[in-house]
Protein backbone atom coordinates (compact mmCIF):
# COMPACT_ATOMS: atom_id res chain seq x y z
CA UNK A 1 -47.42 -26.20 6.84
CA UNK A 2 -46.06 -26.24 10.40
CA UNK A 3 -42.35 -26.87 10.95
CA UNK A 4 -42.78 -30.83 11.67
CA UNK A 5 -44.37 -31.29 8.21
CA UNK A 6 -41.85 -28.68 6.62
CA UNK A 7 -38.83 -30.55 8.27
CA UNK A 8 -39.61 -34.15 7.01
CA UNK A 9 -40.83 -32.81 3.62
CA UNK A 10 -37.11 -31.13 2.90
CA UNK A 11 -35.71 -33.94 3.53
CA UNK A 12 -38.24 -36.19 1.87
CA UNK A 13 -37.21 -34.06 -1.45
CA UNK A 14 -33.82 -33.66 -1.16
CA UNK A 15 -32.68 -37.14 -0.26
CA UNK A 16 -35.59 -39.36 -2.15
CA UNK A 17 -36.09 -37.03 -4.93
CA UNK A 18 -32.86 -35.19 -5.38
CA UNK A 19 -34.11 -31.88 -5.68
CA UNK A 20 -31.39 -29.27 -5.28
CA UNK A 21 -31.89 -26.86 -2.37
CA UNK A 22 -33.21 -23.88 -4.58
CA UNK A 23 -35.97 -25.84 -6.08
CA UNK A 24 -37.05 -27.10 -2.65
CA UNK A 25 -36.95 -23.36 -1.38
CA UNK A 26 -39.22 -22.17 -4.58
CA UNK A 27 -41.57 -25.19 -4.79
CA UNK A 28 -42.36 -24.69 -0.88
CA UNK A 29 -42.37 -20.92 -0.57
CA UNK A 30 -39.38 -20.45 2.13
CA UNK A 31 -35.79 -18.97 1.93
CA UNK A 32 -33.04 -21.30 0.91
CA UNK A 33 -31.18 -20.65 4.08
CA UNK A 34 -33.76 -22.46 6.26
CA UNK A 35 -33.46 -25.35 3.89
CA UNK A 36 -29.94 -25.44 4.27
CA UNK A 37 -30.51 -25.55 8.06
CA UNK A 38 -32.81 -28.29 8.11
CA UNK A 39 -30.61 -30.41 6.22
CA UNK A 40 -27.61 -29.16 8.27
CA UNK A 41 -29.42 -30.49 11.59
CA UNK A 42 -30.84 -33.48 9.92
CA UNK A 43 -27.25 -34.36 9.51
CA UNK A 44 -28.18 -36.85 6.47
CA UNK A 45 -25.51 -37.18 3.72
CA UNK A 46 -26.19 -34.35 1.51
CA UNK A 47 -26.46 -35.49 -2.50
CA UNK A 48 -24.50 -32.68 -4.07
CA UNK A 49 -24.69 -32.17 -7.94
CA UNK A 50 -21.36 -30.96 -8.39
CA UNK A 51 -21.11 -28.55 -11.17
CA UNK A 52 -17.52 -27.05 -12.93
CA UNK A 53 -16.38 -23.71 -12.17
CA UNK A 54 -13.82 -21.44 -13.68
CA UNK A 55 -12.22 -20.91 -10.21
CA UNK A 56 -11.36 -24.86 -9.80
CA UNK A 57 -8.00 -24.63 -11.42
CA UNK A 58 -7.25 -22.02 -8.98
CA UNK A 59 -8.44 -23.67 -5.68
CA UNK A 60 -5.27 -25.39 -5.14
CA UNK A 61 -3.10 -21.87 -5.24
CA UNK A 62 -6.00 -20.28 -3.14
CA UNK A 63 -6.19 -23.08 0.13
CA UNK A 64 -2.14 -22.91 0.10
CA UNK A 65 -2.03 -19.13 0.54
CA UNK A 66 -4.87 -18.87 2.61
CA UNK A 67 -3.14 -21.27 5.01
CA UNK A 68 0.23 -19.07 5.16
CA UNK A 69 -1.84 -15.53 4.99
CA UNK A 70 -4.95 -16.35 6.58
CA UNK A 71 -5.92 -12.49 6.96
CA UNK A 72 -5.19 -11.84 3.43
CA UNK A 73 -7.62 -9.46 1.72
CA UNK A 74 -9.83 -10.87 -1.17
CA UNK A 75 -9.15 -8.13 -3.12
CA UNK A 76 -5.49 -9.02 -2.98
CA UNK A 77 -5.87 -12.55 -3.75
CA UNK A 78 -8.30 -12.05 -6.57
CA UNK A 79 -5.65 -9.54 -8.46
CA UNK A 80 -2.84 -12.70 -7.69
CA UNK A 81 -5.08 -15.21 -9.07
CA UNK A 82 -5.96 -12.45 -12.58
CA UNK A 83 -2.11 -12.35 -12.78
CA UNK A 84 -2.11 -16.38 -13.19
CA UNK A 85 -5.08 -16.19 -15.95
CA UNK A 86 -8.21 -16.19 -13.59
CA UNK A 87 -11.11 -14.58 -16.02
CA UNK A 88 -14.18 -14.19 -13.42
CA UNK A 89 -14.93 -10.77 -11.82
CA UNK A 90 -14.25 -10.01 -8.51
CA UNK A 91 -17.49 -10.08 -6.77
CA UNK A 92 -18.29 -13.87 -7.65
CA UNK A 93 -14.57 -14.26 -6.56
CA UNK A 94 -15.24 -12.88 -3.09
CA UNK A 95 -18.21 -14.94 -2.11
CA UNK A 96 -16.28 -18.03 -3.15
CA UNK A 97 -13.22 -16.91 -1.33
CA UNK A 98 -15.37 -16.70 2.01
CA UNK A 99 -16.07 -19.98 2.16
CA UNK A 100 -12.51 -21.43 1.51
CA UNK A 101 -10.97 -18.73 4.42
CA UNK A 102 -9.60 -20.96 7.41
CA UNK A 103 -12.03 -20.53 10.42
CA UNK A 104 -10.32 -18.74 13.20
CA UNK A 105 -10.72 -20.68 16.60
CA UNK A 106 -12.95 -19.09 19.14
CA UNK A 107 -11.50 -18.08 22.76
CA UNK A 108 -13.68 -19.76 25.31
CA UNK A 109 -14.67 -17.58 28.22
CA UNK A 110 -15.87 -18.69 31.41
CA UNK A 111 -18.66 -17.04 33.52
CA UNK A 112 -17.33 -13.94 35.31
CA UNK A 113 -18.30 -14.62 39.24
CA UNK A 114 -17.70 -11.76 41.59
CA UNK A 115 -17.82 -11.36 45.45
CA UNK A 116 -20.25 -8.79 47.27
CA UNK A 117 -18.26 -5.22 47.12
CA UNK A 118 -15.35 -6.62 45.78
CA UNK A 119 -15.36 -5.03 41.86
CA UNK A 120 -17.10 -2.29 39.82
CA UNK A 121 -16.47 -1.50 36.07
CA UNK A 122 -15.66 2.27 34.45
CA UNK A 123 -16.51 3.69 31.51
CA UNK A 124 -17.60 6.60 29.73
CA UNK A 125 -20.69 6.67 27.21
CA UNK A 126 -20.69 9.02 24.17
CA UNK A 127 -24.35 10.58 23.31
CA UNK A 128 -23.69 12.87 20.93
CA UNK A 129 -22.91 16.70 21.32
CA UNK A 130 -25.24 19.31 22.53
CA UNK A 131 -25.24 22.97 21.39
CA UNK A 132 -24.73 25.72 24.24
CA UNK A 133 -24.90 29.54 22.78
CA UNK A 134 -22.30 29.35 20.68
CA UNK A 135 -20.34 26.15 21.66
CA UNK A 136 -20.95 22.69 20.93
CA UNK A 137 -20.08 20.29 23.48
CA UNK A 138 -19.75 16.85 23.98
CA UNK A 139 -22.06 14.81 26.08
CA UNK A 140 -20.64 12.01 27.97
CA UNK A 141 -21.81 10.00 30.47
CA UNK A 142 -19.88 8.28 33.52
CA UNK A 143 -20.87 4.90 34.21
CA UNK A 144 -19.88 2.61 37.27
CA UNK A 145 -21.67 -0.93 37.68
CA UNK A 146 -21.07 -3.18 40.71
CA UNK A 147 -20.22 -6.39 39.33
CA UNK A 148 -22.15 -8.17 41.86
CA UNK A 149 -25.58 -6.52 42.50
CA UNK A 150 -25.42 -4.74 38.80
CA UNK A 151 -26.18 -1.53 40.32
CA UNK A 152 -25.86 0.90 37.99
CA UNK A 153 -24.50 4.87 38.59
CA UNK A 154 -24.89 7.11 35.95
CA UNK A 155 -23.87 11.05 35.67
CA UNK A 156 -23.60 13.18 32.87
CA UNK A 157 -20.99 15.79 31.77
CA UNK A 158 -20.30 18.30 28.82
CA UNK A 159 -16.80 16.87 27.91
CA UNK A 160 -14.56 14.12 29.56
CA UNK A 161 -11.34 15.77 30.92
CA UNK A 162 -9.74 14.28 33.80
CA UNK A 163 -11.44 16.37 36.32
CA UNK A 164 -15.24 15.21 35.23
CA UNK A 165 -13.58 11.72 35.39
CA UNK A 166 -12.93 12.10 39.15
CA UNK A 167 -15.93 13.94 39.88
CA UNK A 168 -17.78 10.88 38.33
CA UNK A 169 -15.73 8.56 40.97
CA UNK A 170 -16.75 10.98 43.68
CA UNK A 171 -20.68 10.91 43.01
CA UNK A 172 -20.80 7.43 42.47
CA UNK A 173 -19.40 6.52 45.73
CA UNK A 174 -21.67 9.17 47.43
CA UNK A 175 -24.60 7.14 45.24
CA UNK A 176 -23.84 4.15 46.42
CA UNK A 177 -22.90 4.91 50.08
CA UNK A 178 -19.29 3.26 49.96
CA UNK A 179 -16.50 1.81 48.32
CA UNK A 180 -15.78 -1.42 46.24
CA UNK A 181 -12.58 -2.95 46.66
CA UNK A 182 -11.46 -3.04 43.18
CA UNK A 183 -12.22 -0.83 40.06
CA UNK A 184 -12.08 -2.44 36.21
CA UNK A 185 -11.35 -0.05 33.81
CA UNK A 186 -10.98 0.37 29.85
CA UNK A 187 -7.66 1.39 28.37
CA UNK A 188 -9.03 4.98 28.18
CA UNK A 189 -6.61 7.70 28.72
CA UNK A 190 -8.69 9.29 31.71
CA UNK A 191 -7.08 5.95 33.69
CA UNK A 192 -4.13 4.46 31.53
CA UNK A 193 -1.45 6.72 30.07
CA UNK A 194 0.83 3.82 28.78
CA UNK A 195 0.65 0.22 28.33
CA UNK A 196 3.22 -2.29 27.22
CA UNK A 197 1.84 -5.85 27.82
CA UNK A 198 1.15 -6.39 31.45
CA UNK A 199 2.92 -3.08 32.60
CA UNK A 200 0.47 -0.43 32.92
CA UNK A 201 1.18 3.35 33.91
CA UNK A 202 -1.76 4.85 35.31
CA UNK A 203 -3.10 8.27 35.49
CA UNK A 204 -1.18 10.12 38.79
CA UNK A 205 -4.42 11.90 39.35
CA UNK A 206 -6.26 8.47 39.19
CA UNK A 207 -3.60 6.96 41.94
CA UNK A 208 -4.52 9.77 43.91
CA UNK A 209 -7.87 8.98 43.67
CA UNK A 210 -7.38 5.45 44.74
CA UNK A 211 -5.02 6.41 47.67
CA UNK A 212 -7.62 8.86 49.05
CA UNK A 213 -10.59 5.93 49.07
CA UNK A 214 -8.54 3.05 49.10
CA UNK A 215 -9.62 1.14 46.01
CA UNK A 216 -7.15 -1.05 43.64
CA UNK A 217 -7.22 -0.03 40.23
CA UNK A 218 -6.86 -2.37 37.22
CA UNK A 219 -6.69 -2.17 33.64
CA UNK A 220 -8.99 -4.48 31.68
CA UNK A 221 -7.14 -6.91 29.19
CA UNK A 222 -6.85 -5.63 25.45
CA UNK A 223 -9.39 -6.95 23.21
CA UNK A 224 -11.22 -9.18 26.37
CA UNK A 225 -14.53 -7.29 26.13
CA UNK A 226 -15.47 -9.99 28.57
CA UNK A 227 -13.31 -7.89 31.58
CA UNK A 228 -15.71 -4.98 31.35
CA UNK A 229 -18.64 -6.75 29.91
CA UNK A 230 -21.02 -5.50 32.86
CA UNK A 231 -20.30 -1.94 32.48
CA UNK A 232 -20.73 -1.97 28.30
CA UNK A 233 -24.03 -3.52 28.68
CA UNK A 234 -25.37 -0.95 30.97
CA UNK A 235 -24.38 1.69 28.51
CA UNK A 236 -26.10 0.07 26.13
CA UNK A 237 -29.23 -0.61 28.22
CA UNK A 238 -29.33 3.07 29.48
CA UNK A 239 -28.99 4.11 25.41
CA UNK A 240 -32.20 2.34 25.01
CA UNK A 241 -34.05 2.30 28.34
CA UNK A 242 -33.17 5.95 29.44
CA UNK A 243 -31.88 8.19 26.95
CA UNK A 244 -33.62 7.77 23.62
CA UNK A 245 -36.52 10.25 23.33
CA UNK A 246 -35.20 11.93 26.49
CA UNK A 247 -36.22 15.69 27.00
CA UNK A 248 -34.27 17.89 29.71
CA UNK A 249 -33.81 21.55 29.80
CA UNK A 250 -30.17 21.40 31.19
CA UNK A 251 -27.52 19.14 32.47
CA UNK A 252 -28.81 19.71 35.83
CA UNK A 253 -32.19 18.74 34.86
CA UNK A 254 -30.86 15.75 32.92
CA UNK A 255 -28.64 14.07 35.65
CA UNK A 256 -31.63 14.70 38.04
CA UNK A 257 -33.55 12.38 35.82
CA UNK A 258 -30.54 9.64 35.49
CA UNK A 259 -30.08 9.41 39.25
CA UNK A 260 -33.89 8.98 39.26
CA UNK A 261 -33.81 6.10 36.57
CA UNK A 262 -31.04 4.39 38.44
CA UNK A 263 -32.85 4.28 41.26
CA UNK A 264 -35.82 3.11 39.78
CA UNK A 265 -35.97 1.08 36.26
CA UNK A 266 -32.50 0.08 36.43
CA UNK A 267 -33.19 -1.04 40.42
CA UNK A 268 -36.11 -2.78 39.38
CA UNK A 269 -34.85 -4.97 36.47
CA UNK A 270 -33.79 -8.85 37.21
CA UNK A 271 -30.49 -9.42 38.57
CA UNK A 272 -29.39 -11.92 36.46
CA UNK A 273 -31.18 -14.81 34.27
CA UNK A 274 -30.51 -17.56 37.14
CA UNK A 275 -31.68 -15.26 40.16
CA UNK A 276 -34.99 -14.12 40.49
CA UNK A 277 -33.80 -11.14 43.03
CA UNK A 278 -34.23 -7.75 41.77
CA UNK A 279 -30.85 -5.58 41.05
CA UNK A 280 -32.29 -2.86 44.06
CA UNK A 281 -32.58 -5.86 46.32
CA UNK A 282 -29.09 -7.37 45.58
CA UNK A 283 -27.74 -4.08 45.91
CA UNK A 284 -29.23 -3.69 49.59
CA UNK A 285 -27.37 -6.73 50.83
CA UNK A 286 -24.37 -5.41 49.02
CA UNK A 287 -23.95 -1.87 50.29
CA UNK A 288 -23.20 -3.36 53.52
CA UNK A 289 -20.22 -5.04 52.62
CA UNK A 290 -18.79 -1.65 50.47
CA UNK A 291 -15.74 0.15 52.36
CA UNK A 292 -16.75 3.23 54.16
CA UNK A 293 -16.39 6.79 52.56
CA UNK A 294 -13.73 9.29 53.99
CA UNK A 295 -14.24 11.84 56.08
CA UNK A 296 -13.83 14.39 53.38
CA UNK A 297 -14.48 14.17 49.35
CA UNK A 298 -11.34 13.77 46.92
CA UNK A 299 -10.94 17.43 45.46
CA UNK A 300 -11.88 17.75 41.79
CA UNK A 301 -11.78 21.28 41.32
CA UNK A 302 -9.84 22.27 37.79
CA UNK A 303 -6.74 24.95 38.66
CA UNK A 304 -4.92 26.42 36.06
CA UNK A 305 -2.48 29.16 35.76
CA UNK A 306 -3.64 32.37 33.99
CA UNK A 307 -2.10 35.95 33.25
CA UNK A 308 -4.32 38.70 33.46
CA UNK A 309 -3.91 41.00 29.93
CA UNK A 310 -4.15 44.64 29.88
CA UNK A 311 -7.87 44.59 30.52
CA UNK A 312 -9.23 43.23 33.83
CA UNK A 313 -10.33 39.41 32.19
CA UNK A 314 -9.22 36.64 32.66
CA UNK A 315 -10.19 33.77 30.25
CA UNK A 316 -10.90 29.98 30.83
CA UNK A 317 -12.73 27.24 28.87
CA UNK A 318 -12.93 29.73 26.10
CA UNK A 319 -15.14 32.27 28.24
CA UNK A 320 -14.02 35.82 29.86
CA UNK A 321 -14.14 36.26 33.54
CA UNK A 322 -14.00 39.45 35.12
CA UNK A 323 -11.66 40.22 38.16
CA UNK A 324 -10.55 42.99 40.25
CA UNK A 325 -8.66 45.96 38.27
CA UNK A 326 -5.59 45.48 40.60
CA UNK A 327 -4.81 42.25 38.79
CA UNK A 328 -4.22 43.54 35.58
CA UNK A 329 -0.76 41.93 34.02
CA UNK A 330 -0.46 39.91 37.30
CA UNK A 331 -0.80 35.87 37.28
CA UNK A 332 -3.89 34.35 39.07
CA UNK A 333 -5.11 30.84 40.05
CA UNK A 334 -8.32 30.35 38.15
CA UNK A 335 -10.13 27.08 40.10
CA UNK A 336 -13.34 25.77 38.22
CA UNK A 337 -15.95 23.16 39.70
CA UNK A 338 -19.01 22.01 37.64
CA UNK A 339 -21.20 25.34 38.22
CA UNK A 340 -18.41 28.01 39.69
CA UNK A 341 -15.49 29.54 38.76
CA UNK A 342 -12.98 31.18 41.59
CA UNK A 343 -10.25 33.77 41.22
CA UNK A 344 -7.15 32.99 43.39
CA UNK A 345 -4.00 34.60 44.42
CA UNK A 346 -2.43 32.29 46.93
CA UNK A 347 -5.36 31.49 49.07
CA UNK A 348 -7.01 34.62 48.44
CA UNK A 349 -10.34 34.60 46.81
CA UNK A 350 -10.39 37.74 44.59
CA UNK A 351 -13.62 36.49 42.61
CA UNK A 352 -16.40 34.29 41.72
CA UNK A 353 -18.11 33.56 39.14
CA UNK A 354 -21.22 30.97 37.65
CA UNK A 355 -19.72 28.82 35.28
CA UNK A 356 -20.55 29.42 31.69
CA UNK A 357 -20.26 26.71 29.22
CA UNK A 358 -20.77 28.97 26.37
CA UNK A 359 -17.91 29.85 23.47
CA UNK A 360 -16.60 33.37 23.79
CA UNK A 361 -19.16 34.68 26.20
CA UNK A 362 -17.97 37.46 29.15
CA UNK A 363 -19.16 36.74 32.92
CA UNK A 364 -18.84 40.15 34.66
CA UNK A 365 -18.93 41.07 38.63
CA UNK A 366 -20.77 44.56 39.40
CA UNK A 367 -18.25 45.24 42.05
CA UNK A 368 -15.16 44.44 39.86
CA UNK A 369 -16.71 47.20 37.44
CA UNK A 370 -17.31 49.68 39.81
CA UNK A 371 -13.61 48.95 40.83
CA UNK A 372 -12.26 49.32 37.37
CA UNK A 373 -14.39 52.76 37.11
CA UNK A 374 -12.70 53.85 40.24
CA UNK A 375 -9.50 52.86 39.39
CA UNK A 376 -9.37 54.61 35.80
CA UNK A 377 -10.83 57.85 37.49
CA UNK A 378 -7.99 57.97 39.94
CA UNK A 379 -5.74 57.25 36.88
CA UNK A 380 -6.79 59.85 35.14
CA UNK A 381 -6.06 62.59 37.29
CA UNK A 382 -2.88 63.53 35.24
CA UNK A 383 -5.02 64.08 32.10
CA UNK A 384 -5.94 67.34 30.63
CA UNK A 385 -9.69 67.44 32.23
CA UNK A 386 -8.59 66.28 35.57
CA UNK A 387 -5.79 68.96 35.58
CA UNK A 388 -8.33 71.97 34.89
CA UNK A 389 -10.56 70.54 37.64
CA UNK A 390 -7.79 70.59 39.75
CA UNK A 391 -6.57 73.86 38.94
CA UNK A 392 -9.96 75.58 38.74
CA UNK A 393 -12.73 73.47 40.27
CA UNK A 394 -15.47 76.08 38.87
CA UNK A 395 -14.87 74.29 35.29
CA UNK A 396 -16.24 71.05 36.89
CA UNK A 397 -19.83 72.99 36.50
CA UNK A 398 -19.03 74.95 33.16
CA UNK A 399 -18.59 71.65 32.02
CA UNK A 400 -21.98 70.71 33.35
CA UNK A 401 -23.37 73.79 31.51
CA UNK A 402 -21.37 72.71 27.99
CA UNK A 403 -23.14 69.26 27.90
CA UNK A 404 -26.36 70.89 28.48
CA UNK A 405 -25.91 73.12 25.46
CA UNK A 406 -24.46 70.21 23.46
CA UNK A 407 -21.07 71.84 22.83
CA UNK A 408 -17.90 70.03 22.43
CA UNK A 409 -15.76 69.03 25.53
CA UNK A 410 -12.78 68.44 23.82
CA UNK A 411 -12.71 71.89 22.23
CA UNK A 412 -13.26 73.53 25.22
CA UNK A 413 -10.82 71.41 27.29
CA UNK A 414 -8.03 72.58 24.90
CA UNK A 415 -9.24 76.33 24.93
CA UNK A 416 -9.11 76.35 28.91
CA UNK A 417 -5.88 74.38 29.17
CA UNK A 418 -4.43 76.93 27.05
CA UNK A 419 -5.74 79.74 29.00
CA UNK A 420 -4.67 78.16 32.08
CA UNK A 421 -0.97 77.98 30.43
CA UNK A 422 -1.45 81.70 29.69
CA UNK A 423 -2.92 83.07 32.71
CA UNK A 424 -2.64 80.99 35.76
CA UNK A 425 -4.41 78.68 37.78
CA UNK A 426 -6.40 81.93 40.16
CA UNK A 427 -7.09 84.01 37.43
CA UNK A 428 -8.72 80.88 35.16
CA UNK A 429 -10.70 80.10 38.04
CA UNK A 430 -11.72 83.85 38.40
CA UNK A 431 -12.94 84.48 35.32
CA UNK A 432 -14.83 81.07 35.04
CA UNK A 433 -16.86 81.92 37.96
CA UNK A 434 -17.61 85.39 36.12
CA UNK A 435 -18.47 83.41 33.29
CA UNK A 436 -20.98 81.35 34.85
CA UNK A 437 -22.29 84.42 36.95
CA UNK A 438 -23.33 86.33 33.36
CA UNK A 439 -24.87 82.97 32.33
CA UNK A 440 -22.11 82.72 29.55
CA UNK A 441 -20.36 79.24 29.99
CA UNK A 442 -18.20 79.50 26.97
CA UNK A 443 -14.43 79.03 26.72
CA UNK A 444 -14.56 82.12 24.17
CA UNK A 445 -16.63 83.85 27.17
CA UNK A 446 -13.66 83.07 29.99
CA UNK A 447 -11.11 84.36 27.33
CA UNK A 448 -12.76 87.22 26.71
CA UNK A 449 -12.89 88.01 30.64
CA UNK A 450 -9.18 87.22 31.12
CA UNK A 451 -8.14 89.65 28.41
CA UNK A 452 -10.09 92.76 29.65
CA UNK A 453 -8.52 92.09 33.14
CA UNK A 454 -5.38 92.42 31.63
CA UNK A 455 -6.39 95.45 29.81
CA UNK A 456 -7.42 97.26 33.24
CA UNK A 457 -4.26 95.91 35.23
CA UNK A 458 -2.79 98.02 32.42
CA UNK A 459 -0.88 94.76 31.06
CA UNK A 460 -0.05 93.99 27.29
CA UNK A 461 -2.59 91.38 25.44
CA UNK A 462 -1.40 87.82 24.68
CA UNK A 463 -0.52 87.85 21.40
CA UNK A 464 0.32 84.59 19.25
CA UNK A 465 4.11 84.61 17.91
CA UNK A 466 3.70 82.12 15.46
CA UNK A 467 3.49 83.24 11.71
CA UNK A 468 2.24 81.45 8.77
CA UNK A 469 5.24 80.25 6.48
CA UNK A 470 4.23 82.59 3.96
CA UNK A 471 6.50 85.64 2.34
CA UNK A 472 3.71 87.71 1.68
CA UNK A 473 3.23 88.26 5.39
CA UNK A 474 6.79 87.65 7.06
CA UNK A 475 7.71 90.32 4.85
CA UNK A 476 5.11 93.17 6.22
CA UNK A 477 6.40 96.14 7.67
CA UNK A 478 4.07 96.50 10.96
CA UNK A 479 4.16 100.09 12.96
CA UNK A 480 3.11 99.77 16.35
CA UNK A 481 -0.25 101.95 16.81
CA UNK A 482 -0.87 103.76 19.92
CA UNK A 483 -2.98 101.78 22.10
CA UNK A 484 -4.63 105.03 24.08
CA UNK A 485 -7.11 105.41 21.49
CA UNK A 486 -8.67 102.20 22.49
CA UNK A 487 -9.44 103.46 26.06
CA UNK A 488 -11.84 105.63 24.89
CA UNK A 489 -13.96 102.63 23.29
CA UNK A 490 -16.26 102.36 26.58
CA UNK A 491 -17.57 106.02 27.00
CA UNK A 492 -18.16 108.84 24.91
CA UNK A 493 -21.02 109.60 22.17
CA UNK A 494 -21.79 108.22 19.25
CA UNK A 495 -20.03 111.11 17.26
CA UNK A 496 -16.71 110.76 19.32
CA UNK A 497 -16.78 106.79 19.00
CA UNK A 498 -17.01 107.47 15.34
CA UNK A 499 -13.96 110.09 15.55
CA UNK A 500 -12.17 107.34 17.37
CA UNK A 501 -13.14 104.53 14.83
CA UNK A 502 -11.59 107.13 12.02
CA UNK A 503 -8.39 107.99 13.83
CA UNK A 504 -7.98 104.38 14.83
CA UNK A 505 -8.56 103.17 11.10
CA UNK A 506 -6.12 106.18 10.10
CA UNK A 507 -3.62 105.03 12.72
CA UNK A 508 -3.75 101.47 11.44
CA UNK A 509 -3.36 102.36 7.84
CA UNK A 510 -0.09 104.54 8.68
CA UNK A 511 1.40 101.45 10.62
CA UNK A 512 1.12 99.37 7.65
CA UNK A 513 3.30 99.78 4.26
CA UNK A 514 2.61 97.61 1.32
CA UNK A 515 5.69 95.83 0.09
CA UNK A 516 6.36 98.81 -3.01
CA UNK A 517 5.69 101.71 -0.77
CA UNK A 518 8.56 100.38 1.86
CA UNK A 519 11.17 99.77 -0.77
CA UNK A 520 10.57 103.49 -2.20
CA UNK A 521 10.69 104.72 1.57
CA UNK A 522 14.30 102.84 1.67
CA UNK A 523 15.74 104.36 -1.53
CA UNK A 524 14.76 107.93 -0.55
CA UNK A 525 16.60 107.05 2.69
CA UNK A 526 19.55 105.96 0.71
CA UNK A 527 19.78 109.27 -1.54
């Protein structure tokens, strides 16, 4: 059945046969809304088959309440009717109340007409989130549309801070080759900080931008989508025509594809339904009337003050960047563009890095690391090893030999430092050189050489004076033994050596008395 036949049959069955809408729809195989729409378009008086309903006694109360409170929710109205005895359920009640609620009068809007180069509309478009390393960043698009030609500019950013908002303006003006006279903004925080009725307080950085490029900033009326409808339609158009199913490697690749789309697909579409010209042709005409660009672009770098801690790194946007070692515990200025991070002290650039959008990443300059090593080497001169190197330069070679043998450098440093305090720098240097010549690069060998030289000089050997806190040791009576016997240890026959050893043992046994012998000797002396 064609539409004309369906229309005639519905009208006949409803008025001539008095069939209800549901019966007509079921027998003709169409939806009941189709039948109702045909009858409404026909405008003939409908034969209504009124049926009583449990809500009928409450209709006057419902209409009166909705006239006073048009936005009252159906759930609250249902509770009020239940308190008055309504026995029905909430779902049926809600469907009935929907037709009784007074209709809000729709405000008519006139068609927006602008002159070439007169106005552009600006807004952010949100396109989800992207993962960069350990960070999840918001992907947003700055969109500007020339109201007369409908030419679109779109640039993506990882987040929507004020600096990215300003960069979007600068890029769009360079893309269009000029500046429109007025820019219309939605009430986003990047543009409007506060609004009370017609009073609007714009962001001061936006006002600086407007002064630099000589355009007027205008905030759209609240809840008036027609004031910025062209940029909103442009964002919807970009979602379906450009972003859906798009593959890209990084942000630079995505922005390159977006610019190609703005110059290609978006520029070849028809400007308006009543205008056969394309957007690109209209833009070529409008571009000649845009205001010229200033000689220098507006500065859009982020600048924040940071204090360097005890390590030569400064944190910015969740990542660490190296600085010269001389800047520890000092305040610096971090100036960041989309791709670079600069470390400033006053007007001097002390470091520059590629910007990272990761989270917790560390970016280092090899020159800063070399500077750190040199600075730490200078600061370590007062420590143990550097003190030894200054006092006995040969210890440097001794350390190299010890490291090749796998010996403990820390233990060797402590032993050599003790020998330095006991014998002096000159004696230690000579002993280290002799140990290296004998190919015995050990701290113990150096100690033995120093003791031998003291004996040769007729000096007493260095003896530790600290005794353990033990009465069995501290109460011993020690008789000093003659040292003349030790001078004969270097020569003589084996028999003589044995004799010397025996005499030495006798002298040692004679020199030390036990506690009992010591007491007996004291008693004898008293008697």
